[in-house]
Structure formats: structure tokens, C-alpha cells
Amino acid sequence: MAKLDPAEIGKQLTVGEVARRSGVPVSTLHYYEAKGLIHCVRSSGQQRRYGRDVLRRVAVIKVAQRIGIPLAAIGEALASLPEGRTPTAADWARLSRLWRGELDARIAQLTRLRDQLDDCIGCGCLSIEACRLRNPLDSLSDQGSGPQLL
């Protein structure tokens, strides 16, 4: 790992530098900014400048997105972090605890879906009347066929 030049420590990053270092397109960084997930300051020439903490924040966003956390939930979590400070391992542990229950619920739902799919493949009907996968939670089917709420 290369040592950071002390002169570079306080230097703000351009949007291109953040894009290159984070592997995220400039357009995505602008989108994250518009959604309030990251923040910048403007130079005297109105160019975006980011603190180094934005690199860790972008990493948190990308990991959270990869595990399926919606951007709104990511935004809420990032809002709980102090602005201008790089998120720490303790911050990440706290955020991951917030999302663990949601992930456990999603895993359970996918497991149930997988198990139902196995049943469906065995039956092969994909019937709208009987198949739990084709027509889940159809509480109106007891009232007869066709539209029931018109």
C-alpha cells in the first residue's frame, strides 16, 4: 500500500478523481449527490470538490446496493454518520446491524419461494387457480372468477 503524501491529506478531490478511485461513473456520483448520499463543495469556478471521506461513503453505498438495500435506506443510514468524517469500522458494524434483519427476512422469503418452486416444478401446472407461485395471496378467488372489485 502506497503511503499518502502529507501534502495530499487535506486536498479535496475532483469528481473525476473520485470516479477513478471509487470505480463509479461521474454520472453516478452526480446522482448520489442529487439523492443526498454524498456531498461536495464548489470551487470558485463552480467545480465540484469532495473530501476524502466520500471515497469510503461511496464504498458503503456500493456494498449496500450489492446486498439489495434500497437507496432510501442507505441514505437514512448515511445521514446518521458525522459529515466530513470517514466512516469507521464501528460505523459499518452499526449500519450492517441495521440491515441484517431486512436481509434475514429476504433470505427467508427467497427460501420459501425456492421451496414452492420445487413443488411447482413437480406439478407443472402453473394454474392461475391453484398455483401459489402464479397467483400468490389471491384472497378474492373464493368469490368466483373474473374481476371482483369492479
C-alpha atoms as a PDB file:
ATOM      1  CA  MET A   1       0.000   0.000   0.000  1.00  0.00           C
ATOM      2  CA  ALA A   2       1.470   3.333  -1.062  1.00  0.00           C
ATOM      3  CA  LYS A   3       1.881   5.983   1.588  1.00  0.00           C
ATOM      4  CA  LEU A   4      -0.115   9.147   1.100  1.00  0.00           C
ATOM      5  CA  ASP A   5       1.946  12.268   0.584  1.00  0.00           C
ATOM      6  CA  PRO A   6       1.286  14.548   3.611  1.00  0.00           C
ATOM      7  CA  ALA A   7       0.562  17.414   1.203  1.00  0.00           C
ATOM      8  CA  GLU A   8      -2.265  15.338  -0.284  1.00  0.00           C
ATOM      9  CA  ILE A   9      -4.048  14.620   3.021  1.00  0.00           C
ATOM     10  CA  GLY A  10      -6.118  17.805   3.158  1.00  0.00           C
ATOM     11  CA  LYS A  11      -6.537  18.096  -0.609  1.00  0.00           C
ATOM     12  CA  GLN A  12     -10.045  17.835  -1.918  1.00  0.00           C
ATOM     13  CA  LEU A  13     -10.782  15.522  -4.807  1.00  0.00           C
ATOM     14  CA  THR A  14     -12.338  16.398  -8.163  1.00  0.00           C
ATOM     15  CA  VAL A  15     -15.333  14.403  -9.350  1.00  0.00           C
ATOM     16  CA  GLY A  16     -13.064  12.699 -11.897  1.00  0.00           C
ATOM     17  CA  GLU A  17     -10.621  11.657  -9.171  1.00  0.00           C
ATOM     18  CA  VAL A  18     -13.452  10.261  -7.055  1.00  0.00           C
ATOM     19  CA  ALA A  19     -14.818   8.389 -10.071  1.00  0.00           C
ATOM     20  CA  ARG A  20     -11.414   6.922 -10.924  1.00  0.00           C
ATOM     21  CA  ARG A  21     -10.569   5.930  -7.354  1.00  0.00           C
ATOM     22  CA  SER A  22     -14.004   4.540  -6.481  1.00  0.00           C
ATOM     23  CA  GLY A  23     -14.735   2.826  -9.815  1.00  0.00           C
ATOM     24  CA  VAL A  24     -18.074   4.660 -10.021  1.00  0.00           C
ATOM     25  CA  PRO A  25     -19.004   6.723 -13.109  1.00  0.00           C
ATOM     26  CA  VAL A  26     -19.184  10.501 -12.754  1.00  0.00           C
ATOM     27  CA  SER A  27     -22.892  10.385 -13.624  1.00  0.00           C
ATOM     28  CA  THR A  28     -23.487   8.018 -10.699  1.00  0.00           C
ATOM     29  CA  LEU A  29     -21.646  10.350  -8.345  1.00  0.00           C
ATOM     30  CA  HIS A  30     -23.862  13.215  -9.523  1.00  0.00           C
ATOM     31  CA  TYR A  31     -26.906  11.000  -8.917  1.00  0.00           C
ATOM     32  CA  TYR A  32     -25.723  10.115  -5.403  1.00  0.00           C
ATOM     33  CA  GLU A  33     -25.209  13.802  -4.736  1.00  0.00           C
ATOM     34  CA  ALA A  34     -28.702  14.656  -6.012  1.00  0.00           C
ATOM     35  CA  LYS A  35     -30.110  11.987  -3.663  1.00  0.00           C
ATOM     36  CA  GLY A  36     -28.169  13.462  -0.719  1.00  0.00           C
ATOM     37  CA  LEU A  37     -25.979  10.380  -0.258  1.00  0.00           C
ATOM     38  CA  ILE A  38     -22.721  12.296  -0.758  1.00  0.00           C
ATOM     39  CA  HIS A  39     -21.871  15.975  -0.572  1.00  0.00           C
ATOM     40  CA  CYS A  40     -19.424  18.289  -2.246  1.00  0.00           C
ATOM     41  CA  VAL A  41     -18.350  21.883  -2.064  1.00  0.00           C
ATOM     42  CA  ARG A  42     -17.938  24.118  -5.083  1.00  0.00           C
ATOM     43  CA  SER A  43     -14.688  25.745  -6.064  1.00  0.00           C
ATOM     44  CA  SER A  44     -14.553  29.405  -7.069  1.00  0.00           C
ATOM     45  CA  GLY A  45     -15.045  28.148 -10.641  1.00  0.00           C
ATOM     46  CA  GLN A  46     -18.148  26.165  -9.520  1.00  0.00           C
ATOM     47  CA  GLN A  47     -16.407  22.797  -9.910  1.00  0.00           C
ATOM     48  CA  ARG A  48     -17.304  20.016  -7.507  1.00  0.00           C
ATOM     49  CA  ARG A  49     -14.754  19.178  -4.821  1.00  0.00           C
ATOM     50  CA  TYR A  50     -15.095  16.235  -2.466  1.00  0.00           C
ATOM     51  CA  GLY A  51     -13.459  15.426   0.843  1.00  0.00           C
ATOM     52  CA  ARG A  52     -11.593  12.145   1.059  1.00  0.00           C
ATOM     53  CA  ASP A  53     -14.354  10.720   3.261  1.00  0.00           C
ATOM     54  CA  VAL A  54     -16.535  10.467   0.156  1.00  0.00           C
ATOM     55  CA  LEU A  55     -14.469   7.516  -1.065  1.00  0.00           C
ATOM     56  CA  ARG A  56     -15.481   5.416   1.955  1.00  0.00           C
ATOM     57  CA  ARG A  57     -19.085   6.630   1.694  1.00  0.00           C
ATOM     58  CA  VAL A  58     -19.231   5.548  -1.958  1.00  0.00           C
ATOM     59  CA  ALA A  59     -17.801   2.162  -0.939  1.00  0.00           C
ATOM     60  CA  VAL A  60     -20.540   1.795   1.705  1.00  0.00           C
ATOM     61  CA  ILE A  61     -23.200   2.726  -0.874  1.00  0.00           C
ATOM     62  CA  LYS A  62     -21.905   0.185  -3.406  1.00  0.00           C
ATOM     63  CA  VAL A  63     -21.701  -2.658  -0.868  1.00  0.00           C
ATOM     64  CA  ALA A  64     -25.171  -1.872   0.481  1.00  0.00           C
ATOM     65  CA  GLN A  65     -26.609  -1.757  -3.037  1.00  0.00           C
ATOM     66  CA  ARG A  66     -24.955  -5.057  -3.876  1.00  0.00           C
ATOM     67  CA  ILE A  67     -26.752  -6.754  -0.990  1.00  0.00           C
ATOM     68  CA  GLY A  68     -30.045  -5.203  -2.079  1.00  0.00           C
ATOM     69  CA  ILE A  69     -30.508  -2.319   0.341  1.00  0.00           C
ATOM     70  CA  PRO A  70     -32.660   0.404  -1.273  1.00  0.00           C
ATOM     71  CA  LEU A  71     -31.051   3.818  -1.785  1.00  0.00           C
ATOM     72  CA  ALA A  72     -33.569   5.428   0.576  1.00  0.00           C
ATOM     73  CA  ALA A  73     -32.439   3.131   3.413  1.00  0.00           C
ATOM     74  CA  ILE A  74     -28.799   3.749   2.523  1.00  0.00           C
ATOM     75  CA  GLY A  75     -29.453   7.492   2.670  1.00  0.00           C
ATOM     76  CA  GLU A  76     -31.045   7.208   6.108  1.00  0.00           C
ATOM     77  CA  ALA A  77     -28.087   5.215   7.362  1.00  0.00           C
ATOM     78  CA  LEU A  78     -25.507   7.616   5.914  1.00  0.00           C
ATOM     79  CA  ALA A  79     -27.390  10.565   7.427  1.00  0.00           C
ATOM     80  CA  SER A  80     -26.605   9.089  10.847  1.00  0.00           C
ATOM     81  CA  LEU A  81     -22.863   9.459  10.212  1.00  0.00           C
ATOM     82  CA  PRO A  82     -20.999  12.668  11.007  1.00  0.00           C
ATOM     83  CA  GLU A  83     -20.449  14.743   7.857  1.00  0.00           C
ATOM     84  CA  GLY A  84     -16.858  15.166   6.734  1.00  0.00           C
ATOM     85  CA  ARG A  85     -15.543  12.154   8.655  1.00  0.00           C
ATOM     86  CA  THR A  86     -14.560   8.904   7.018  1.00  0.00           C
ATOM     87  CA  PRO A  87     -16.904   6.115   8.173  1.00  0.00           C
ATOM     88  CA  THR A  88     -15.087   3.754  10.504  1.00  0.00           C
ATOM     89  CA  ALA A  89     -15.285   0.000  11.019  1.00  0.00           C
ATOM     90  CA  ALA A  90     -17.532   0.693  14.024  1.00  0.00           C
ATOM     91  CA  ASP A  91     -19.826   2.790  11.808  1.00  0.00           C
ATOM     92  CA  TRP A  92     -20.030  -0.038   9.285  1.00  0.00           C
ATOM     93  CA  ALA A  93     -20.771  -2.582  12.034  1.00  0.00           C
ATOM     94  CA  ARG A  94     -23.649  -0.410  13.265  1.00  0.00           C
ATOM     95  CA  LEU A  95     -25.041   0.052   9.745  1.00  0.00           C
ATOM     96  CA  SER A  96     -24.762  -3.643   8.947  1.00  0.00           C
ATOM     97  CA  ARG A  97     -26.693  -4.488  12.134  1.00  0.00           C
ATOM     98  CA  LEU A  98     -29.478  -2.191  10.896  1.00  0.00           C
ATOM     99  CA  TRP A  99     -29.712  -4.106   7.636  1.00  0.00           C
ATOM    100  CA  ARG A 100     -29.256  -7.624   8.995  1.00  0.00           C
ATOM    101  CA  GLY A 101     -32.944  -8.127   9.882  1.00  0.00           C
ATOM    102  CA  GLU A 102     -34.056  -6.996   6.447  1.00  0.00           C
ATOM    103  CA  LEU A 103     -31.585  -9.364   4.811  1.00  0.00           C
ATOM    104  CA  ASP A 104     -32.663 -12.263   7.045  1.00  0.00           C
ATOM    105  CA  ALA A 105     -36.302 -11.635   6.082  1.00  0.00           C
ATOM    106  CA  ARG A 106     -35.400 -11.521   2.382  1.00  0.00           C
ATOM    107  CA  ILE A 107     -33.402 -14.755   2.685  1.00  0.00           C
ATOM    108  CA  ALA A 108     -36.375 -16.455   4.388  1.00  0.00           C
ATOM    109  CA  GLN A 109     -38.714 -15.199   1.653  1.00  0.00           C
ATOM    110  CA  LEU A 110     -36.397 -16.466  -1.083  1.00  0.00           C
ATOM    111  CA  THR A 111     -36.070 -19.824   0.669  1.00  0.00           C
ATOM    112  CA  ARG A 112     -39.873 -20.171   0.787  1.00  0.00           C
ATOM    113  CA  LEU A 113     -40.081 -19.182  -2.879  1.00  0.00           C
ATOM    114  CA  ARG A 114     -37.422 -21.743  -3.795  1.00  0.00           C
ATOM    115  CA  ASP A 115     -39.298 -24.450  -1.898  1.00  0.00           C
ATOM    116  CA  GLN A 116     -42.562 -23.523  -3.621  1.00  0.00           C
ATOM    117  CA  LEU A 117     -40.791 -23.575  -6.978  1.00  0.00           C
ATOM    118  CA  ASP A 118     -39.685 -27.141  -6.327  1.00  0.00           C
ATOM    119  CA  ASP A 119     -43.336 -28.078  -5.666  1.00  0.00           C
ATOM    120  CA  CYS A 120     -44.453 -26.266  -8.786  1.00  0.00           C
ATOM    121  CA  ILE A 121     -41.910 -27.977 -11.000  1.00  0.00           C
ATOM    122  CA  GLY A 122     -43.157 -31.316  -9.702  1.00  0.00           C
ATOM    123  CA  CYS A 123     -46.756 -30.393 -10.501  1.00  0.00           C
ATOM    124  CA  GLY A 124     -46.040 -28.412 -13.668  1.00  0.00           C
ATOM    125  CA  CYS A 125     -49.473 -26.798 -13.821  1.00  0.00           C
ATOM    126  CA  LEU A 126     -48.731 -23.081 -13.286  1.00  0.00           C
ATOM    127  CA  SER A 127     -52.502 -22.783 -12.958  1.00  0.00           C
ATOM    128  CA  ILE A 128     -53.808 -19.348 -12.069  1.00  0.00           C
ATOM    129  CA  GLU A 129     -56.457 -21.008  -9.910  1.00  0.00           C
ATOM    130  CA  ALA A 130     -54.220 -23.324  -7.886  1.00  0.00           C
ATOM    131  CA  CYS A 131     -50.583 -22.283  -8.175  1.00  0.00           C
ATOM    132  CA  ARG A 132     -49.136 -20.386  -5.202  1.00  0.00           C
ATOM    133  CA  LEU A 133     -46.362 -19.002  -7.427  1.00  0.00           C
ATOM    134  CA  ARG A 134     -48.553 -17.931 -10.342  1.00  0.00           C
ATOM    135  CA  ASN A 135     -51.216 -16.292  -8.176  1.00  0.00           C
ATOM    136  CA  PRO A 136     -49.931 -15.746  -4.614  1.00  0.00           C
ATOM    137  CA  LEU A 137     -52.217 -14.430  -1.882  1.00  0.00           C
ATOM    138  CA  ASP A 138     -55.303 -14.489  -4.095  1.00  0.00           C
ATOM    139  CA  SER A 139     -57.893 -13.842  -1.397  1.00  0.00           C
ATOM    140  CA  LEU A 140     -60.617 -12.889  -3.908  1.00  0.00           C
ATOM    141  CA  SER A 141     -60.577 -16.238  -5.737  1.00  0.00           C
ATOM    142  CA  ASP A 142     -63.123 -17.610  -3.253  1.00  0.00           C
ATOM    143  CA  GLN A 143     -65.664 -15.100  -4.644  1.00  0.00           C
ATOM    144  CA  GLY A 144     -65.535 -16.572  -8.138  1.00  0.00           C
ATOM    145  CA  SER A 145     -63.703 -15.946 -11.377  1.00  0.00           C
ATOM    146  CA  GLY A 146     -63.220 -12.581 -13.034  1.00  0.00           C
ATOM    147  CA  PRO A 147     -62.811  -9.124 -11.538  1.00  0.00           C
ATOM    148  CA  GLN A 148     -64.326  -8.899  -8.056  1.00  0.00           C
ATOM    149  CA  LEU A 149     -63.653  -5.279  -7.135  1.00  0.00           C
ATOM    150  CA  LEU A 150     -65.359  -3.501 -10.052  1.00  0.00           C
END
